[in-house]
Amino acid sequence: MQITQVEHSVQLPIAEVPRSIGVHLSAIIRSISVRMGFLKPQWCEDLSLSDVSNITDPASILRICIGIAWERWFVTTLPDVVDHPGEIQVDGIYMTPDGESVDVIITSRGKLLQTIVHEFKTTYKSTNTVQDLAEQWMWLTQLKGYCKGMQTRYAKIYILFLCGDYKYPISPLFRAFEIEFTQEEIDENWDLMREYMDVQLALDQAAEEAERLGRGELF
């Protein structure tokens, strides 16, 4: 028997519907998270507010492919959920929710039909660090943004913890959460996203003009 390891690259799948060029919610959240220390810079190849980027890091590509594979299978077990309902744009910010459904919600006014945002996550985080979902700023900020775009206050998030709680033997664990935001939470979150975008775009423009001035291109 002869066994030889060979080189074989893994490529990201081509998106069926390309993302629009412009500012994306996920990019805003990523940029804020690095600045606030929620996310290490080495996890981000590109900190621009455009989410249309060329990912080259092999480990990042593999992580994304694992998440895509899980999501594509799991969404088929949710027959009432529309997979990737389409891109949304609000105040110049683009968003691409993972899923959408219309469910019956029981409220003080009785039973109402409400849009539900669905989000799928694959993570190497330990379940021990996500015992309180309220502390997961990046995930909740994303969901509140999607709720703003889809004009709803309701969301569901499905999380695959690839390494579970990291206790041996290592095994994956799955968790699902239903969330009802207040409208105030959604609006305050959106104000932050929009204000951060405005400031960053203004800084980027000023830096570009300063660079052009240094090259003598503004005269």
N, C-alpha and C. Protein backbone atom coordinates (compact mmCIF):
# COMPACT_ATOMS: atom_id res chain seq x y z
N MET A 1 0.86 -1.20 0.00
CA MET A 1 0.00 0.00 0.00
C MET A 1 0.89 1.24 0.00
N GLN A 2 0.50 2.20 -0.78
CA GLN A 2 1.22 3.47 -0.80
C GLN A 2 0.22 4.60 -0.63
N ILE A 3 0.45 5.40 0.37
CA ILE A 3 -0.45 6.52 0.67
C ILE A 3 0.33 7.81 0.57
N THR A 4 -0.18 8.74 -0.20
CA THR A 4 0.51 10.01 -0.41
C THR A 4 -0.46 11.16 -0.14
N GLN A 5 -0.06 12.04 0.73
CA GLN A 5 -0.88 13.24 0.95
C GLN A 5 -0.70 14.19 -0.23
N VAL A 6 -1.81 14.70 -0.72
CA VAL A 6 -1.76 15.60 -1.87
C VAL A 6 -2.38 16.95 -1.50
N GLU A 7 -1.98 17.96 -2.21
CA GLU A 7 -2.54 19.29 -2.00
C GLU A 7 -3.92 19.38 -2.64
N HIS A 8 -4.86 19.93 -1.91
CA HIS A 8 -6.20 20.13 -2.47
C HIS A 8 -6.82 21.34 -1.78
N SER A 9 -7.05 22.40 -2.53
CA SER A 9 -7.59 23.63 -1.95
C SER A 9 -9.10 23.55 -1.81
N VAL A 10 -9.61 24.26 -0.83
CA VAL A 10 -11.06 24.34 -0.59
C VAL A 10 -11.51 25.75 -0.94
N GLN A 11 -12.51 25.86 -1.78
CA GLN A 11 -13.00 27.15 -2.23
C GLN A 11 -14.38 27.43 -1.64
N LEU A 12 -14.63 28.69 -1.38
CA LEU A 12 -15.97 29.08 -0.94
C LEU A 12 -16.96 28.92 -2.09
N PRO A 13 -18.19 28.49 -1.80
CA PRO A 13 -19.18 28.37 -2.87
C PRO A 13 -19.55 29.75 -3.40
N ILE A 14 -19.88 29.79 -4.66
CA ILE A 14 -20.28 31.05 -5.28
C ILE A 14 -21.72 31.36 -4.86
N ALA A 15 -21.93 32.56 -4.36
CA ALA A 15 -23.26 32.95 -3.91
C ALA A 15 -24.24 32.94 -5.07
N GLU A 16 -25.42 32.36 -4.83
CA GLU A 16 -26.44 32.32 -5.88
C GLU A 16 -26.89 33.73 -6.26
N VAL A 17 -26.98 34.60 -5.25
CA VAL A 17 -27.32 36.01 -5.48
C VAL A 17 -26.20 36.86 -4.89
N PRO A 18 -25.34 37.44 -5.71
CA PRO A 18 -24.22 38.24 -5.20
C PRO A 18 -24.70 39.39 -4.31
N ARG A 19 -23.93 39.66 -3.27
CA ARG A 19 -24.27 40.77 -2.39
C ARG A 19 -24.00 42.10 -3.09
N SER A 20 -24.84 43.07 -2.78
CA SER A 20 -24.67 44.39 -3.36
C SER A 20 -23.39 45.04 -2.83
N ILE A 21 -22.77 45.85 -3.67
CA ILE A 21 -21.59 46.60 -3.25
C ILE A 21 -22.05 47.80 -2.43
N GLY A 22 -21.55 47.91 -1.23
CA GLY A 22 -21.96 48.98 -0.34
C GLY A 22 -21.75 48.58 1.10
N VAL A 23 -22.35 49.31 2.01
CA VAL A 23 -22.20 49.06 3.44
C VAL A 23 -23.12 47.92 3.86
N HIS A 24 -22.56 46.93 4.57
CA HIS A 24 -23.34 45.79 5.03
C HIS A 24 -23.38 45.75 6.56
N LEU A 25 -24.51 45.34 7.09
CA LEU A 25 -24.69 45.29 8.54
C LEU A 25 -23.61 44.44 9.20
N SER A 26 -23.33 43.27 8.65
CA SER A 26 -22.35 42.38 9.26
C SER A 26 -20.97 43.04 9.33
N ALA A 27 -20.63 43.87 8.33
CA ALA A 27 -19.35 44.56 8.33
C ALA A 27 -19.30 45.64 9.41
N ILE A 28 -20.40 46.34 9.62
CA ILE A 28 -20.47 47.35 10.68
C ILE A 28 -20.26 46.67 12.03
N ILE A 29 -20.97 45.57 12.25
CA ILE A 29 -20.88 44.85 13.52
C ILE A 29 -19.45 44.34 13.75
N ARG A 30 -18.84 43.81 12.69
CA ARG A 30 -17.47 43.31 12.80
C ARG A 30 -16.50 44.44 13.15
N SER A 31 -16.65 45.59 12.52
CA SER A 31 -15.77 46.72 12.77
C SER A 31 -15.91 47.23 14.20
N ILE A 32 -17.15 47.38 14.67
CA ILE A 32 -17.37 47.83 16.04
C ILE A 32 -16.81 46.82 17.03
N SER A 33 -16.99 45.54 16.75
CA SER A 33 -16.56 44.49 17.67
C SER A 33 -15.04 44.48 17.86
N VAL A 34 -14.31 44.73 16.77
CA VAL A 34 -12.85 44.79 16.89
C VAL A 34 -12.44 46.01 17.70
N ARG A 35 -13.06 47.14 17.43
CA ARG A 35 -12.73 48.37 18.16
C ARG A 35 -13.07 48.26 19.65
N MET A 36 -14.13 47.53 19.98
CA MET A 36 -14.56 47.38 21.37
C MET A 36 -13.88 46.21 22.08
N GLY A 37 -13.12 45.43 21.33
CA GLY A 37 -12.43 44.30 21.94
C GLY A 37 -13.25 43.04 22.04
N PHE A 38 -14.43 43.02 21.40
CA PHE A 38 -15.25 41.81 21.40
C PHE A 38 -14.70 40.76 20.45
N LEU A 39 -13.95 41.21 19.46
CA LEU A 39 -13.46 40.33 18.40
C LEU A 39 -11.99 40.64 18.14
N LYS A 40 -11.17 39.61 18.07
CA LYS A 40 -9.74 39.81 17.83
C LYS A 40 -9.51 40.18 16.37
N PRO A 41 -8.60 41.13 16.12
CA PRO A 41 -8.35 41.58 14.74
C PRO A 41 -7.93 40.46 13.80
N GLN A 42 -7.24 39.44 14.34
CA GLN A 42 -6.77 38.37 13.46
C GLN A 42 -7.90 37.52 12.88
N TRP A 43 -9.11 37.67 13.43
CA TRP A 43 -10.26 36.95 12.89
C TRP A 43 -10.87 37.68 11.70
N CYS A 44 -10.33 38.85 11.36
CA CYS A 44 -10.91 39.66 10.29
C CYS A 44 -9.84 40.02 9.27
N GLU A 45 -10.04 39.62 8.05
CA GLU A 45 -9.10 40.01 6.99
C GLU A 45 -9.39 41.42 6.49
N ASP A 46 -10.62 41.86 6.63
CA ASP A 46 -11.02 43.14 6.05
C ASP A 46 -11.95 43.83 7.03
N LEU A 47 -11.59 45.05 7.45
CA LEU A 47 -12.41 45.80 8.40
C LEU A 47 -13.17 46.94 7.72
N SER A 48 -13.23 46.93 6.40
CA SER A 48 -14.02 47.94 5.72
C SER A 48 -15.50 47.67 5.95
N LEU A 49 -16.34 48.65 5.68
CA LEU A 49 -17.78 48.49 5.91
C LEU A 49 -18.46 47.77 4.77
N SER A 50 -17.72 47.44 3.73
CA SER A 50 -18.26 46.63 2.66
C SER A 50 -18.04 45.17 2.98
N ASP A 51 -19.08 44.35 2.86
CA ASP A 51 -18.96 42.93 3.16
C ASP A 51 -18.65 42.12 1.92
N VAL A 52 -18.34 42.81 0.83
CA VAL A 52 -17.98 42.13 -0.40
C VAL A 52 -16.46 42.08 -0.46
N SER A 53 -15.87 41.01 0.08
CA SER A 53 -14.43 40.93 0.19
C SER A 53 -13.93 39.56 -0.29
N ASN A 54 -12.64 39.49 -0.55
CA ASN A 54 -12.02 38.26 -1.01
C ASN A 54 -11.34 37.59 0.17
N ILE A 55 -11.93 36.53 0.71
CA ILE A 55 -11.36 35.83 1.85
C ILE A 55 -10.33 34.83 1.35
N THR A 56 -9.13 34.91 1.89
CA THR A 56 -8.03 34.07 1.41
C THR A 56 -7.49 33.12 2.47
N ASP A 57 -7.72 33.40 3.74
CA ASP A 57 -7.18 32.57 4.81
C ASP A 57 -7.82 31.18 4.77
N PRO A 58 -7.02 30.10 4.63
CA PRO A 58 -7.57 28.74 4.50
C PRO A 58 -8.44 28.33 5.69
N ALA A 59 -8.02 28.68 6.90
CA ALA A 59 -8.81 28.31 8.08
C ALA A 59 -10.16 29.02 8.07
N SER A 60 -10.17 30.29 7.67
CA SER A 60 -11.43 31.03 7.60
C SER A 60 -12.36 30.42 6.56
N ILE A 61 -11.79 30.02 5.43
CA ILE A 61 -12.60 29.41 4.37
C ILE A 61 -13.23 28.11 4.87
N LEU A 62 -12.44 27.29 5.58
CA LEU A 62 -12.97 26.03 6.11
C LEU A 62 -14.08 26.27 7.13
N ARG A 63 -13.89 27.25 8.01
CA ARG A 63 -14.92 27.55 9.01
C ARG A 63 -16.22 27.98 8.33
N ILE A 64 -16.09 28.83 7.32
CA ILE A 64 -17.28 29.31 6.61
C ILE A 64 -17.97 28.16 5.89
N CYS A 65 -17.18 27.27 5.27
CA CYS A 65 -17.77 26.13 4.55
C CYS A 65 -18.51 25.20 5.50
N ILE A 66 -17.97 24.98 6.69
CA ILE A 66 -18.65 24.14 7.69
C ILE A 66 -20.00 24.77 8.05
N GLY A 67 -19.98 26.08 8.28
CA GLY A 67 -21.22 26.76 8.64
C GLY A 67 -22.25 26.71 7.53
N ILE A 68 -21.80 26.91 6.29
CA ILE A 68 -22.72 26.86 5.15
C ILE A 68 -23.32 25.47 5.00
N ALA A 69 -22.49 24.43 5.13
CA ALA A 69 -22.97 23.05 5.00
C ALA A 69 -24.02 22.74 6.06
N TRP A 70 -23.76 23.15 7.29
CA TRP A 70 -24.73 22.91 8.38
C TRP A 70 -26.03 23.64 8.10
N GLU A 71 -25.91 24.90 7.72
CA GLU A 71 -27.11 25.71 7.49
C GLU A 71 -27.95 25.15 6.35
N ARG A 72 -27.30 24.76 5.25
CA ARG A 72 -28.05 24.27 4.09
C ARG A 72 -28.82 22.99 4.42
N TRP A 73 -28.25 22.16 5.30
CA TRP A 73 -28.98 20.96 5.69
C TRP A 73 -30.07 21.29 6.70
N PHE A 74 -29.71 22.07 7.73
CA PHE A 74 -30.64 22.28 8.84
C PHE A 74 -31.90 23.02 8.40
N VAL A 75 -31.75 23.97 7.47
CA VAL A 75 -32.92 24.73 7.05
C VAL A 75 -33.95 23.83 6.38
N THR A 76 -33.51 22.69 5.82
CA THR A 76 -34.47 21.77 5.19
C THR A 76 -35.34 21.08 6.22
N THR A 77 -34.95 21.11 7.49
CA THR A 77 -35.77 20.51 8.55
C THR A 77 -36.80 21.49 9.09
N LEU A 78 -36.80 22.71 8.55
CA LEU A 78 -37.74 23.75 8.99
C LEU A 78 -38.64 24.10 7.80
N PRO A 79 -39.65 23.31 7.53
CA PRO A 79 -40.43 23.46 6.30
C PRO A 79 -41.15 24.80 6.17
N ASP A 80 -41.39 25.49 7.27
CA ASP A 80 -42.11 26.76 7.21
C ASP A 80 -41.19 27.96 7.05
N VAL A 81 -39.88 27.70 7.00
CA VAL A 81 -38.91 28.80 6.91
C VAL A 81 -38.46 28.99 5.47
N VAL A 82 -38.52 30.23 5.00
CA VAL A 82 -38.01 30.58 3.67
C VAL A 82 -36.51 30.80 3.80
N ASP A 83 -35.73 30.02 3.07
CA ASP A 83 -34.28 30.11 3.14
C ASP A 83 -33.78 31.32 2.36
N HIS A 84 -33.02 32.19 3.04
CA HIS A 84 -32.47 33.40 2.44
C HIS A 84 -33.53 34.14 1.62
N PRO A 85 -34.44 34.82 2.30
CA PRO A 85 -35.56 35.48 1.61
C PRO A 85 -35.14 36.64 0.71
N GLY A 86 -33.92 37.09 0.83
CA GLY A 86 -33.47 38.17 -0.06
C GLY A 86 -32.78 39.29 0.68
N GLU A 87 -32.07 40.09 -0.06
CA GLU A 87 -31.33 41.20 0.53
C GLU A 87 -32.27 42.34 0.88
N ILE A 88 -31.98 42.98 2.01
CA ILE A 88 -32.77 44.12 2.48
C ILE A 88 -31.84 45.32 2.57
N GLN A 89 -32.36 46.50 2.28
CA GLN A 89 -31.56 47.72 2.40
C GLN A 89 -32.37 48.76 3.16
N VAL A 90 -31.82 49.24 4.26
CA VAL A 90 -32.46 50.29 5.07
C VAL A 90 -31.41 51.35 5.38
N ASP A 91 -31.72 52.59 5.08
CA ASP A 91 -30.81 53.72 5.37
C ASP A 91 -29.42 53.49 4.78
N GLY A 92 -29.35 52.83 3.63
CA GLY A 92 -28.06 52.61 2.99
C GLY A 92 -27.27 51.44 3.54
N ILE A 93 -27.88 50.65 4.41
CA ILE A 93 -27.21 49.49 5.00
C ILE A 93 -27.88 48.22 4.47
N TYR A 94 -27.06 47.33 3.90
CA TYR A 94 -27.58 46.09 3.34
C TYR A 94 -27.56 44.97 4.37
N MET A 95 -28.56 44.09 4.28
CA MET A 95 -28.66 42.95 5.20
C MET A 95 -29.13 41.72 4.43
N THR A 96 -28.65 40.55 4.84
CA THR A 96 -29.06 39.30 4.19
C THR A 96 -29.45 38.27 5.27
N PRO A 97 -30.67 38.30 5.75
CA PRO A 97 -31.12 37.35 6.77
C PRO A 97 -31.04 35.91 6.27
N ASP A 98 -30.76 34.99 7.19
CA ASP A 98 -30.67 33.57 6.82
C ASP A 98 -32.03 32.98 6.48
N GLY A 99 -33.06 33.37 7.24
CA GLY A 99 -34.37 32.77 7.01
C GLY A 99 -35.50 33.65 7.50
N GLU A 100 -36.70 33.32 7.04
CA GLU A 100 -37.90 34.09 7.40
C GLU A 100 -39.09 33.16 7.44
N SER A 101 -39.97 33.39 8.40
CA SER A 101 -41.23 32.66 8.45
C SER A 101 -42.31 33.58 9.00
N VAL A 102 -43.54 33.16 8.85
CA VAL A 102 -44.68 33.87 9.43
C VAL A 102 -45.35 32.91 10.40
N ASP A 103 -45.34 33.25 11.67
CA ASP A 103 -45.86 32.37 12.72
C ASP A 103 -46.96 33.07 13.50
N VAL A 104 -47.75 32.28 14.20
CA VAL A 104 -48.77 32.81 15.09
C VAL A 104 -48.13 33.12 16.44
N ILE A 105 -48.24 34.36 16.88
CA ILE A 105 -47.70 34.79 18.16
C ILE A 105 -48.86 35.16 19.08
N ILE A 106 -48.84 34.65 20.30
CA ILE A 106 -49.88 34.97 21.27
C ILE A 106 -49.46 36.20 22.06
N THR A 107 -50.27 37.24 21.98
CA THR A 107 -49.99 38.49 22.69
C THR A 107 -51.19 38.87 23.56
N SER A 108 -51.06 40.00 24.23
CA SER A 108 -52.17 40.48 25.06
C SER A 108 -53.38 40.84 24.22
N ARG A 109 -53.17 41.04 22.92
CA ARG A 109 -54.27 41.36 22.00
C ARG A 109 -54.82 40.12 21.31
N GLY A 110 -54.29 38.96 21.73
CA GLY A 110 -54.75 37.71 21.13
C GLY A 110 -53.70 37.12 20.20
N LYS A 111 -54.13 36.28 19.28
CA LYS A 111 -53.21 35.63 18.34
C LYS A 111 -52.98 36.53 17.13
N LEU A 112 -51.71 36.76 16.82
CA LEU A 112 -51.36 37.61 15.70
C LEU A 112 -50.35 36.90 14.80
N LEU A 113 -50.42 37.17 13.51
CA LEU A 113 -49.42 36.66 12.58
C LEU A 113 -48.25 37.63 12.57
N GLN A 114 -47.06 37.11 12.81
CA GLN A 114 -45.88 37.94 12.87
C GLN A 114 -44.75 37.34 12.04
N THR A 115 -43.96 38.20 11.45
CA THR A 115 -42.75 37.75 10.74
C THR A 115 -41.70 37.35 11.77
N ILE A 116 -41.03 36.22 11.54
CA ILE A 116 -39.97 35.75 12.42
C ILE A 116 -38.66 35.73 11.63
N VAL A 117 -37.64 36.34 12.18
CA VAL A 117 -36.30 36.28 11.60
C VAL A 117 -35.61 35.01 12.10
N HIS A 118 -34.96 34.27 11.20
CA HIS A 118 -34.25 33.05 11.58
C HIS A 118 -32.76 33.22 11.26
N GLU A 119 -31.93 32.86 12.22
CA GLU A 119 -30.48 32.97 12.05
C GLU A 119 -29.81 31.67 12.48
N PHE A 120 -28.83 31.22 11.68
CA PHE A 120 -28.12 29.97 11.95
C PHE A 120 -26.66 30.28 12.25
N LYS A 121 -26.14 29.72 13.34
CA LYS A 121 -24.76 29.95 13.71
C LYS A 121 -24.04 28.62 13.92
N THR A 122 -22.79 28.58 13.48
CA THR A 122 -21.88 27.48 13.77
C THR A 122 -20.68 28.08 14.47
N THR A 123 -20.33 27.57 15.66
CA THR A 123 -19.31 28.24 16.46
C THR A 123 -18.40 27.24 17.17
N TYR A 124 -17.19 27.69 17.42
CA TYR A 124 -16.25 26.95 18.26
C TYR A 124 -16.30 27.43 19.70
N LYS A 125 -17.21 28.35 20.00
CA LYS A 125 -17.39 28.77 21.38
C LYS A 125 -17.89 27.60 22.22
N SER A 126 -17.59 27.65 23.51
CA SER A 126 -18.12 26.63 24.42
C SER A 126 -19.53 27.02 24.85
N THR A 127 -20.37 26.01 25.06
CA THR A 127 -21.70 26.30 25.59
C THR A 127 -21.62 27.00 26.95
N ASN A 128 -20.51 26.79 27.64
CA ASN A 128 -20.34 27.43 28.95
C ASN A 128 -20.23 28.94 28.83
N THR A 129 -19.77 29.42 27.67
CA THR A 129 -19.62 30.87 27.49
C THR A 129 -20.88 31.51 26.90
N VAL A 130 -21.85 30.69 26.55
CA VAL A 130 -23.07 31.22 25.94
C VAL A 130 -24.29 30.80 26.78
N GLN A 131 -24.06 30.61 28.06
CA GLN A 131 -25.19 30.27 28.92
C GLN A 131 -26.20 31.41 28.98
N ASP A 132 -25.70 32.64 28.90
CA ASP A 132 -26.57 33.82 28.88
C ASP A 132 -26.47 34.43 27.48
N LEU A 133 -27.46 34.17 26.65
CA LEU A 133 -27.44 34.67 25.28
C LEU A 133 -27.42 36.19 25.24
N ALA A 134 -27.93 36.82 26.28
CA ALA A 134 -27.98 38.28 26.31
C ALA A 134 -26.59 38.91 26.27
N GLU A 135 -25.55 38.13 26.58
CA GLU A 135 -24.19 38.65 26.56
C GLU A 135 -23.53 38.53 25.19
N GLN A 136 -24.21 37.91 24.24
CA GLN A 136 -23.64 37.73 22.90
C GLN A 136 -23.99 38.94 22.03
N TRP A 137 -23.19 40.00 22.21
CA TRP A 137 -23.51 41.29 21.59
C TRP A 137 -23.58 41.19 20.06
N MET A 138 -22.63 40.52 19.44
CA MET A 138 -22.58 40.48 17.99
C MET A 138 -23.82 39.79 17.41
N TRP A 139 -24.19 38.66 17.97
CA TRP A 139 -25.34 37.92 17.46
C TRP A 139 -26.63 38.71 17.64
N LEU A 140 -26.82 39.28 18.83
CA LEU A 140 -28.06 40.01 19.11
C LEU A 140 -28.13 41.30 18.31
N THR A 141 -27.00 41.96 18.11
CA THR A 141 -26.99 43.18 17.30
C THR A 141 -27.39 42.87 15.87
N GLN A 142 -26.89 41.75 15.36
CA GLN A 142 -27.27 41.33 14.01
C GLN A 142 -28.76 41.04 13.92
N LEU A 143 -29.29 40.31 14.89
CA LEU A 143 -30.71 39.97 14.87
C LEU A 143 -31.60 41.21 14.99
N LYS A 144 -31.20 42.15 15.83
CA LYS A 144 -31.99 43.37 15.96
C LYS A 144 -31.96 44.17 14.66
N GLY A 145 -30.82 44.14 13.96
CA GLY A 145 -30.75 44.81 12.67
C GLY A 145 -31.69 44.16 11.66
N TYR A 146 -31.70 42.84 11.63
CA TYR A 146 -32.60 42.14 10.71
C TYR A 146 -34.06 42.42 11.06
N CYS A 147 -34.34 42.47 12.35
CA CYS A 147 -35.72 42.78 12.77
C CYS A 147 -36.13 44.17 12.29
N LYS A 148 -35.18 45.11 12.33
CA LYS A 148 -35.46 46.45 11.82
C LYS A 148 -35.80 46.38 10.34
N GLY A 149 -35.00 45.63 9.59
CA GLY A 149 -35.21 45.54 8.15
C GLY A 149 -36.48 44.81 7.78
N MET A 150 -36.88 43.83 8.59
CA MET A 150 -38.06 43.01 8.27
C MET A 150 -39.30 43.46 9.04
N GLN A 151 -39.15 44.57 9.80
CA GLN A 151 -40.26 45.20 10.52
C GLN A 151 -40.97 44.20 11.44
N THR A 152 -40.18 43.60 12.30
CA THR A 152 -40.72 42.66 13.28
C THR A 152 -39.93 42.78 14.57
N ARG A 153 -40.42 42.17 15.63
CA ARG A 153 -39.70 42.16 16.91
C ARG A 153 -39.32 40.74 17.33
N TYR A 154 -39.53 39.77 16.44
CA TYR A 154 -39.38 38.36 16.82
C TYR A 154 -38.29 37.69 16.01
N ALA A 155 -37.52 36.84 16.69
CA ALA A 155 -36.41 36.14 16.02
C ALA A 155 -36.18 34.79 16.67
N LYS A 156 -35.55 33.90 15.90
CA LYS A 156 -35.10 32.60 16.40
C LYS A 156 -33.66 32.41 15.95
N ILE A 157 -32.83 31.91 16.85
CA ILE A 157 -31.44 31.65 16.51
C ILE A 157 -31.12 30.20 16.86
N TYR A 158 -30.46 29.53 15.92
CA TYR A 158 -30.12 28.12 16.06
C TYR A 158 -28.59 28.03 16.07
N ILE A 159 -28.02 27.44 17.10
CA ILE A 159 -26.57 27.46 17.28
C ILE A 159 -26.02 26.03 17.36
N LEU A 160 -25.07 25.73 16.49
CA LEU A 160 -24.35 24.47 16.54
C LEU A 160 -22.99 24.73 17.20
N PHE A 161 -22.81 24.19 18.39
CA PHE A 161 -21.54 24.30 19.10
C PHE A 161 -20.69 23.09 18.71
N LEU A 162 -19.72 23.31 17.83
CA LEU A 162 -18.97 22.20 17.26
C LEU A 162 -18.23 21.38 18.31
N CYS A 163 -17.76 22.03 19.36
CA CYS A 163 -17.02 21.32 20.41
C CYS A 163 -17.79 21.26 21.72
N GLY A 164 -19.10 21.52 21.67
CA GLY A 164 -19.93 21.42 22.86
C GLY A 164 -19.42 22.26 24.01
N ASP A 165 -19.27 21.61 25.19
CA ASP A 165 -18.77 22.32 26.37
C ASP A 165 -17.27 22.07 26.59
N TYR A 166 -16.61 21.44 25.60
CA TYR A 166 -15.18 21.15 25.62
C TYR A 166 -14.80 20.12 26.69
N LYS A 167 -15.76 19.43 27.25
CA LYS A 167 -15.46 18.34 28.17
C LYS A 167 -15.28 17.06 27.35
N TYR A 168 -14.31 16.25 27.74
CA TYR A 168 -14.05 15.01 27.01
C TYR A 168 -15.07 13.94 27.40
N PRO A 169 -15.51 13.13 26.42
CA PRO A 169 -15.13 13.21 25.01
C PRO A 169 -15.81 14.39 24.31
N ILE A 170 -15.03 15.12 23.50
CA ILE A 170 -15.56 16.28 22.78
C ILE A 170 -16.69 15.84 21.86
N SER A 171 -17.82 16.53 21.94
CA SER A 171 -18.95 16.21 21.07
C SER A 171 -19.75 17.49 20.82
N PRO A 172 -20.36 17.61 19.65
CA PRO A 172 -21.13 18.82 19.34
C PRO A 172 -22.42 18.89 20.14
N LEU A 173 -22.90 20.10 20.36
CA LEU A 173 -24.17 20.34 21.04
C LEU A 173 -24.96 21.37 20.24
N PHE A 174 -26.27 21.28 20.34
CA PHE A 174 -27.15 22.19 19.59
C PHE A 174 -28.06 22.92 20.56
N ARG A 175 -28.26 24.20 20.31
CA ARG A 175 -29.16 25.01 21.13
C ARG A 175 -30.01 25.89 20.21
N ALA A 176 -31.24 26.16 20.60
CA ALA A 176 -32.12 27.06 19.84
C ALA A 176 -32.79 28.01 20.83
N PHE A 177 -32.96 29.25 20.41
CA PHE A 177 -33.55 30.27 21.27
C PHE A 177 -34.58 31.08 20.49
N GLU A 178 -35.70 31.38 21.15
CA GLU A 178 -36.68 32.33 20.63
C GLU A 178 -36.49 33.65 21.34
N ILE A 179 -36.56 34.74 20.59
CA ILE A 179 -36.29 36.06 21.15
C ILE A 179 -37.39 37.03 20.76
N GLU A 180 -37.83 37.80 21.72
CA GLU A 180 -38.76 38.91 21.45
C GLU A 180 -38.09 40.19 21.93
N PHE A 181 -37.75 41.06 21.01
CA PHE A 181 -37.14 42.35 21.34
C PHE A 181 -38.24 43.38 21.58
N THR A 182 -37.90 44.44 22.30
CA THR A 182 -38.79 45.60 22.36
C THR A 182 -38.47 46.48 21.16
N GLN A 183 -39.42 47.29 20.76
CA GLN A 183 -39.17 48.20 19.64
C GLN A 183 -38.08 49.20 19.99
N GLU A 184 -38.02 49.59 21.27
CA GLU A 184 -36.97 50.51 21.71
C GLU A 184 -35.58 49.90 21.52
N GLU A 185 -35.43 48.63 21.86
CA GLU A 185 -34.14 47.95 21.67
C GLU A 185 -33.74 47.93 20.20
N ILE A 186 -34.71 47.66 19.35
CA ILE A 186 -34.43 47.60 17.91
C ILE A 186 -34.04 48.97 17.37
N ASP A 187 -34.77 49.99 17.77
CA ASP A 187 -34.50 51.35 17.26
C ASP A 187 -33.17 51.89 17.78
N GLU A 188 -32.87 51.66 19.06
CA GLU A 188 -31.60 52.13 19.62
C GLU A 188 -30.42 51.43 18.94
N ASN A 189 -30.58 50.15 18.70
CA ASN A 189 -29.53 49.40 18.01
C ASN A 189 -29.31 49.94 16.60
N TRP A 190 -30.40 50.24 15.91
CA TRP A 190 -30.27 50.74 14.54
C TRP A 190 -29.64 52.12 14.51
N ASP A 191 -29.96 52.96 15.48
CA ASP A 191 -29.34 54.28 15.56
C ASP A 191 -27.83 54.15 15.68
N LEU A 192 -27.38 53.17 16.48
CA LEU A 192 -25.94 52.95 16.64
C LEU A 192 -25.30 52.52 15.33
N MET A 193 -25.96 51.59 14.61
CA MET A 193 -25.41 51.12 13.34
C MET A 193 -25.31 52.26 12.33
N ARG A 194 -26.35 53.05 12.25
CA ARG A 194 -26.40 54.13 11.27
C ARG A 194 -25.38 55.23 11.60
N GLU A 195 -25.29 55.59 12.90
CA GLU A 195 -24.35 56.63 13.30
C GLU A 195 -22.91 56.18 13.09
N TYR A 196 -22.62 54.92 13.39
CA TYR A 196 -21.26 54.41 13.19
C TYR A 196 -20.91 54.44 11.70
N MET A 197 -21.86 54.04 10.87
CA MET A 197 -21.63 54.08 9.43
C MET A 197 -21.32 55.49 8.97
N ASP A 198 -22.13 56.46 9.40
CA ASP A 198 -21.94 57.84 8.98
C ASP A 198 -20.56 58.36 9.38
N VAL A 199 -20.15 58.07 10.61
CA VAL A 199 -18.85 58.55 11.10
C VAL A 199 -17.72 57.90 10.32
N GLN A 200 -17.80 56.59 10.12
CA GLN A 200 -16.71 55.88 9.43
C GLN A 200 -16.59 56.31 7.98
N LEU A 201 -17.74 56.49 7.32
CA LEU A 201 -17.69 56.93 5.93
C LEU A 201 -17.10 58.33 5.82
N ALA A 202 -17.42 59.20 6.79
CA ALA A 202 -16.87 60.55 6.78
C ALA A 202 -15.36 60.51 7.01
N LEU A 203 -14.90 59.64 7.92
CA LEU A 203 -13.46 59.50 8.18
C LEU A 203 -12.74 58.94 6.96
N ASP A 204 -13.37 57.95 6.32
CA ASP A 204 -12.76 57.37 5.13
C ASP A 204 -12.63 58.41 4.02
N GLN A 205 -13.66 59.23 3.87
CA GLN A 205 -13.63 60.27 2.83
C GLN A 205 -12.55 61.30 3.14
N ALA A 206 -12.44 61.68 4.43
CA ALA A 206 -11.42 62.66 4.81
C ALA A 206 -10.02 62.10 4.57
N ALA A 207 -9.82 60.81 4.89
CA ALA A 207 -8.51 60.19 4.68
C ALA A 207 -8.18 60.10 3.20
N GLU A 208 -9.17 59.82 2.39
CA GLU A 208 -8.96 59.74 0.95
C GLU A 208 -8.60 61.10 0.37
N GLU A 209 -9.30 62.14 0.85
CA GLU A 209 -9.01 63.49 0.36
C GLU A 209 -7.62 63.93 0.80
N ALA A 210 -7.22 63.54 2.04
CA ALA A 210 -5.89 63.91 2.52
C ALA A 210 -4.82 63.21 1.69
N GLU A 211 -5.06 61.97 1.31
CA GLU A 211 -4.10 61.25 0.49
C GLU A 211 -4.01 61.86 -0.90
N ARG A 212 -5.14 62.23 -1.45
CA ARG A 212 -5.11 62.86 -2.77
C ARG A 212 -4.42 64.22 -2.72
N LEU A 213 -4.65 64.95 -1.61
CA LEU A 213 -4.00 66.23 -1.43
C LEU A 213 -2.49 66.06 -1.37
N GLY A 214 -2.07 65.00 -0.67
CA GLY A 214 -0.63 64.72 -0.56
C GLY A 214 -0.02 64.41 -1.90
N ARG A 215 -0.82 63.87 -2.81
CA ARG A 215 -0.34 63.54 -4.16
C ARG A 215 -0.55 64.72 -5.13
N GLY A 216 -1.15 65.78 -4.60
CA GLY A 216 -1.37 66.95 -5.43
C GLY A 216 -2.50 66.80 -6.41
N GLU A 217 -3.44 65.96 -6.12
CA GLU A 217 -4.52 65.67 -7.07
C GLU A 217 -5.75 66.55 -6.87
N LEU A 218 -5.76 67.37 -5.80
CA LEU A 218 -6.92 68.22 -5.54
C LEU A 218 -6.76 69.61 -6.11
N PHE A 219 -5.67 69.85 -6.81
CA PHE A 219 -5.45 71.20 -7.39
C PHE A 219 -5.62 71.14 -8.90
